[in-house]
Amino acid sequence: MKKWVFFDFDGVIIDSETVSLRSWQSLLKDPESISIRDISGNSAIENAKKLQRLIEENLDVEEIVSIKLSLDREQLHEGFYPVIDGVCSTIERMSKGYHLAVV
């Protein structure tokens, strides 16, 4: 009987941090003023509050989050969601002995 392996999509299969960083950077006066370390592990609201003073326009937190999520979606539609190195070969190998699912 095969066992199941469940993969988390965000951050395990795709590099969502790079996508998120690009979105945040596009909102800032100085895009190079933040790195992945500055945003990792925080919610979009927490990051919006943290970065609000660095954004060119005078926007409230809800507006910032809405724009950021829209920028994330644009990257998705443009095909910019990089697959993490080694994931494809790992999934292929595991599929021979396990049932696989993405959550």
N, C-alpha and C. Protein backbone atom coordinates (compact mmCIF):
# COMPACT_ATOMS: atom_id res chain seq x y z
N MET A 1 0.83 -1.18 0.00
CA MET A 1 0.00 0.00 0.00
C MET A 1 0.89 1.25 0.00
N LYS A 2 0.63 2.16 -0.95
CA LYS A 2 1.39 3.39 -1.05
C LYS A 2 1.01 4.36 0.05
N LYS A 3 1.98 5.10 0.54
CA LYS A 3 1.74 6.15 1.52
C LYS A 3 1.63 7.49 0.78
N TRP A 4 1.11 8.48 1.48
CA TRP A 4 0.92 9.80 0.90
C TRP A 4 2.00 10.77 1.36
N VAL A 5 2.39 11.68 0.46
CA VAL A 5 3.26 12.80 0.79
C VAL A 5 2.53 14.06 0.32
N PHE A 6 2.39 15.02 1.24
CA PHE A 6 1.72 16.28 0.93
C PHE A 6 2.76 17.39 0.85
N PHE A 7 2.72 18.14 -0.24
CA PHE A 7 3.63 19.26 -0.44
C PHE A 7 2.88 20.57 -0.24
N ASP A 8 3.53 21.48 0.47
CA ASP A 8 3.04 22.85 0.53
C ASP A 8 3.56 23.55 -0.72
N PHE A 9 2.69 24.19 -1.45
CA PHE A 9 3.06 24.81 -2.73
C PHE A 9 3.95 26.03 -2.52
N ASP A 10 3.52 26.90 -1.63
CA ASP A 10 4.14 28.20 -1.44
C ASP A 10 5.43 28.08 -0.64
N GLY A 11 6.55 28.28 -1.30
CA GLY A 11 7.84 28.21 -0.63
C GLY A 11 8.49 26.84 -0.66
N VAL A 12 7.76 25.82 -1.07
CA VAL A 12 8.32 24.48 -1.17
C VAL A 12 8.49 24.09 -2.63
N ILE A 13 7.45 24.32 -3.41
CA ILE A 13 7.51 24.01 -4.84
C ILE A 13 7.91 25.24 -5.65
N ILE A 14 7.36 26.38 -5.30
CA ILE A 14 7.74 27.62 -5.99
C ILE A 14 8.40 28.59 -5.02
N ASP A 15 9.23 29.44 -5.55
CA ASP A 15 9.94 30.45 -4.77
C ASP A 15 9.07 31.70 -4.69
N SER A 16 8.10 31.67 -3.80
CA SER A 16 7.16 32.78 -3.67
C SER A 16 7.80 34.00 -3.01
N GLU A 17 8.88 33.81 -2.26
CA GLU A 17 9.52 34.96 -1.62
C GLU A 17 10.10 35.92 -2.65
N THR A 18 10.68 35.37 -3.72
CA THR A 18 11.23 36.23 -4.77
C THR A 18 10.12 37.04 -5.44
N VAL A 19 8.99 36.41 -5.67
CA VAL A 19 7.84 37.10 -6.26
C VAL A 19 7.38 38.22 -5.33
N SER A 20 7.24 37.90 -4.06
CA SER A 20 6.79 38.89 -3.09
C SER A 20 7.77 40.06 -3.00
N LEU A 21 9.06 39.75 -2.97
CA LEU A 21 10.07 40.80 -2.91
C LEU A 21 9.97 41.73 -4.11
N ARG A 22 9.82 41.17 -5.30
CA ARG A 22 9.70 42.00 -6.51
C ARG A 22 8.49 42.92 -6.42
N SER A 23 7.38 42.40 -5.90
CA SER A 23 6.18 43.23 -5.76
C SER A 23 6.42 44.37 -4.78
N TRP A 24 6.96 44.05 -3.61
CA TRP A 24 7.23 45.11 -2.62
C TRP A 24 8.20 46.13 -3.18
N GLN A 25 9.26 45.68 -3.83
CA GLN A 25 10.26 46.61 -4.35
C GLN A 25 9.67 47.56 -5.39
N SER A 26 8.71 47.08 -6.17
CA SER A 26 8.14 47.95 -7.20
C SER A 26 7.31 49.09 -6.60
N LEU A 27 6.94 48.96 -5.33
CA LEU A 27 6.18 50.01 -4.65
C LEU A 27 7.06 51.06 -3.98
N LEU A 28 8.33 50.77 -3.83
CA LEU A 28 9.20 51.62 -3.01
C LEU A 28 9.92 52.70 -3.79
N LYS A 29 10.23 53.80 -3.10
CA LYS A 29 11.03 54.88 -3.69
C LYS A 29 12.41 54.34 -4.05
N ASP A 30 12.97 53.54 -3.15
CA ASP A 30 14.28 52.93 -3.36
C ASP A 30 14.13 51.41 -3.29
N PRO A 31 13.93 50.76 -4.43
CA PRO A 31 13.68 49.32 -4.44
C PRO A 31 14.76 48.48 -3.77
N GLU A 32 15.98 48.96 -3.76
CA GLU A 32 17.08 48.20 -3.18
C GLU A 32 17.15 48.36 -1.66
N SER A 33 16.22 49.10 -1.08
CA SER A 33 16.27 49.35 0.37
C SER A 33 15.76 48.17 1.20
N ILE A 34 15.19 47.14 0.54
CA ILE A 34 14.73 45.96 1.27
C ILE A 34 15.27 44.69 0.61
N SER A 35 15.33 43.65 1.42
CA SER A 35 15.75 42.34 0.93
C SER A 35 14.72 41.31 1.38
N ILE A 36 14.91 40.08 0.95
CA ILE A 36 13.99 39.00 1.35
C ILE A 36 13.94 38.88 2.87
N ARG A 37 15.07 39.08 3.53
CA ARG A 37 15.09 38.99 5.00
C ARG A 37 14.13 39.98 5.66
N ASP A 38 13.93 41.13 5.03
CA ASP A 38 13.06 42.16 5.60
C ASP A 38 11.58 41.77 5.56
N ILE A 39 11.20 40.93 4.60
CA ILE A 39 9.78 40.62 4.42
C ILE A 39 9.39 39.20 4.78
N SER A 40 10.37 38.31 4.86
CA SER A 40 10.08 36.89 5.11
C SER A 40 9.44 36.68 6.47
N GLY A 41 8.44 35.81 6.47
CA GLY A 41 7.79 35.43 7.72
C GLY A 41 6.75 36.41 8.22
N ASN A 42 6.53 37.49 7.48
CA ASN A 42 5.55 38.49 7.87
C ASN A 42 4.33 38.42 6.96
N SER A 43 3.19 38.79 7.50
CA SER A 43 1.99 38.88 6.66
C SER A 43 2.10 40.11 5.76
N ALA A 44 1.27 40.17 4.74
CA ALA A 44 1.26 41.34 3.85
C ALA A 44 0.92 42.60 4.63
N ILE A 45 0.03 42.48 5.60
CA ILE A 45 -0.35 43.65 6.41
C ILE A 45 0.84 44.13 7.25
N GLU A 46 1.54 43.18 7.87
CA GLU A 46 2.73 43.56 8.66
C GLU A 46 3.77 44.25 7.79
N ASN A 47 4.01 43.70 6.60
CA ASN A 47 4.99 44.31 5.70
C ASN A 47 4.52 45.68 5.21
N ALA A 48 3.24 45.82 4.94
CA ALA A 48 2.72 47.11 4.48
C ALA A 48 2.92 48.17 5.57
N LYS A 49 2.65 47.82 6.80
CA LYS A 49 2.86 48.76 7.90
C LYS A 49 4.34 49.13 8.03
N LYS A 50 5.17 48.13 7.89
CA LYS A 50 6.62 48.32 8.03
C LYS A 50 7.19 49.19 6.90
N LEU A 51 6.65 49.01 5.69
CA LEU A 51 7.21 49.68 4.51
C LEU A 51 6.46 50.95 4.12
N GLN A 52 5.38 51.25 4.79
CA GLN A 52 4.50 52.36 4.40
C GLN A 52 5.27 53.67 4.21
N ARG A 53 6.19 53.97 5.08
CA ARG A 53 6.94 55.23 4.99
C ARG A 53 7.92 55.26 3.82
N LEU A 54 8.22 54.09 3.24
CA LEU A 54 9.17 54.00 2.13
C LEU A 54 8.49 54.01 0.76
N ILE A 55 7.16 54.03 0.76
CA ILE A 55 6.40 53.97 -0.49
C ILE A 55 6.20 55.38 -1.02
N GLU A 56 6.34 55.51 -2.34
CA GLU A 56 6.28 56.83 -2.97
C GLU A 56 4.96 57.56 -2.72
N GLU A 57 3.86 56.87 -2.86
CA GLU A 57 2.55 57.49 -2.70
C GLU A 57 2.11 57.42 -1.24
N ASN A 58 1.23 58.33 -0.87
CA ASN A 58 0.66 58.32 0.47
C ASN A 58 -0.58 57.41 0.46
N LEU A 59 -0.38 56.15 0.81
CA LEU A 59 -1.45 55.16 0.76
C LEU A 59 -1.66 54.57 2.14
N ASP A 60 -2.91 54.16 2.43
CA ASP A 60 -3.13 53.47 3.69
C ASP A 60 -2.76 51.99 3.53
N VAL A 61 -2.68 51.28 4.64
CA VAL A 61 -2.21 49.89 4.66
C VAL A 61 -3.05 49.00 3.75
N GLU A 62 -4.37 49.15 3.79
CA GLU A 62 -5.24 48.31 2.96
C GLU A 62 -4.98 48.52 1.48
N GLU A 63 -4.75 49.78 1.08
CA GLU A 63 -4.45 50.07 -0.33
C GLU A 63 -3.11 49.45 -0.74
N ILE A 64 -2.14 49.54 0.14
CA ILE A 64 -0.82 48.97 -0.14
C ILE A 64 -0.93 47.46 -0.34
N VAL A 65 -1.63 46.79 0.56
CA VAL A 65 -1.79 45.34 0.46
C VAL A 65 -2.51 44.97 -0.83
N SER A 66 -3.55 45.69 -1.17
CA SER A 66 -4.30 45.41 -2.39
C SER A 66 -3.42 45.54 -3.63
N ILE A 67 -2.62 46.59 -3.68
CA ILE A 67 -1.72 46.80 -4.82
C ILE A 67 -0.66 45.70 -4.87
N LYS A 68 -0.12 45.36 -3.71
CA LYS A 68 0.92 44.31 -3.64
C LYS A 68 0.38 42.98 -4.14
N LEU A 69 -0.82 42.60 -3.71
CA LEU A 69 -1.41 41.33 -4.15
C LEU A 69 -1.70 41.35 -5.64
N SER A 70 -2.10 42.51 -6.15
CA SER A 70 -2.33 42.65 -7.59
C SER A 70 -1.02 42.46 -8.37
N LEU A 71 0.06 43.02 -7.83
CA LEU A 71 1.37 42.84 -8.48
C LEU A 71 1.81 41.37 -8.45
N ASP A 72 1.52 40.68 -7.35
CA ASP A 72 1.81 39.23 -7.28
C ASP A 72 1.05 38.49 -8.38
N ARG A 73 -0.24 38.81 -8.55
CA ARG A 73 -1.06 38.14 -9.57
C ARG A 73 -0.53 38.42 -10.96
N GLU A 74 -0.09 39.65 -11.21
CA GLU A 74 0.48 39.98 -12.52
C GLU A 74 1.69 39.10 -12.81
N GLN A 75 2.54 38.90 -11.82
CA GLN A 75 3.71 38.05 -12.02
C GLN A 75 3.30 36.62 -12.31
N LEU A 76 2.26 36.15 -11.65
CA LEU A 76 1.74 34.80 -11.90
C LEU A 76 1.29 34.69 -13.35
N HIS A 77 0.52 35.68 -13.82
CA HIS A 77 0.02 35.64 -15.20
C HIS A 77 1.14 35.80 -16.22
N GLU A 78 2.23 36.46 -15.82
CA GLU A 78 3.38 36.60 -16.71
C GLU A 78 4.27 35.35 -16.68
N GLY A 79 3.96 34.42 -15.79
CA GLY A 79 4.74 33.19 -15.69
C GLY A 79 5.96 33.30 -14.81
N PHE A 80 6.04 34.36 -13.99
CA PHE A 80 7.20 34.50 -13.11
C PHE A 80 6.89 33.94 -11.73
N TYR A 81 6.91 32.66 -11.63
CA TYR A 81 6.86 31.96 -10.34
C TYR A 81 7.89 30.86 -10.45
N PRO A 82 9.14 31.16 -10.08
CA PRO A 82 10.21 30.19 -10.28
C PRO A 82 10.06 28.94 -9.42
N VAL A 83 10.23 27.79 -10.04
CA VAL A 83 10.20 26.51 -9.34
C VAL A 83 11.53 26.36 -8.61
N ILE A 84 11.47 25.92 -7.37
CA ILE A 84 12.68 25.73 -6.56
C ILE A 84 13.51 24.60 -7.14
N ASP A 85 14.82 24.82 -7.20
CA ASP A 85 15.74 23.83 -7.77
C ASP A 85 15.55 22.46 -7.13
N GLY A 86 15.49 21.45 -7.97
CA GLY A 86 15.42 20.08 -7.52
C GLY A 86 14.02 19.55 -7.27
N VAL A 87 13.02 20.43 -7.29
CA VAL A 87 11.65 19.99 -6.99
C VAL A 87 11.13 19.02 -8.04
N CYS A 88 11.32 19.33 -9.29
CA CYS A 88 10.76 18.47 -10.35
C CYS A 88 11.33 17.06 -10.28
N SER A 89 12.65 16.93 -10.12
CA SER A 89 13.24 15.60 -10.06
C SER A 89 12.83 14.87 -8.78
N THR A 90 12.69 15.59 -7.68
CA THR A 90 12.24 14.98 -6.42
C THR A 90 10.83 14.44 -6.56
N ILE A 91 9.95 15.24 -7.14
CA ILE A 91 8.57 14.81 -7.33
C ILE A 91 8.51 13.58 -8.23
N GLU A 92 9.30 13.59 -9.28
CA GLU A 92 9.31 12.44 -10.20
C GLU A 92 9.76 11.17 -9.48
N ARG A 93 10.82 11.26 -8.70
CA ARG A 93 11.31 10.09 -7.96
C ARG A 93 10.29 9.62 -6.92
N MET A 94 9.70 10.54 -6.20
CA MET A 94 8.75 10.18 -5.14
C MET A 94 7.46 9.59 -5.70
N SER A 95 7.11 9.98 -6.91
CA SER A 95 5.85 9.50 -7.49
C SER A 95 5.86 7.99 -7.74
N LYS A 96 7.04 7.42 -7.77
CA LYS A 96 7.13 5.96 -7.99
C LYS A 96 6.79 5.16 -6.74
N GLY A 97 6.90 5.78 -5.57
CA GLY A 97 6.65 5.02 -4.35
C GLY A 97 5.58 5.62 -3.44
N TYR A 98 5.10 6.81 -3.80
CA TYR A 98 4.14 7.49 -2.94
C TYR A 98 3.02 8.12 -3.77
N HIS A 99 1.89 8.31 -3.14
CA HIS A 99 0.86 9.18 -3.69
C HIS A 99 1.26 10.59 -3.31
N LEU A 100 1.14 11.54 -4.21
CA LEU A 100 1.55 12.92 -3.94
C LEU A 100 0.37 13.86 -4.04
N ALA A 101 0.40 14.88 -3.21
CA ALA A 101 -0.65 15.90 -3.24
C ALA A 101 -0.04 17.24 -2.89
N VAL A 102 -0.63 18.30 -3.42
CA VAL A 102 -0.21 19.66 -3.13
C VAL A 102 -1.30 20.33 -2.30
N VAL A 103 -0.88 20.98 -1.21
CA VAL A 103 -1.84 21.67 -0.34
C VAL A 103 -1.51 23.14 -0.28
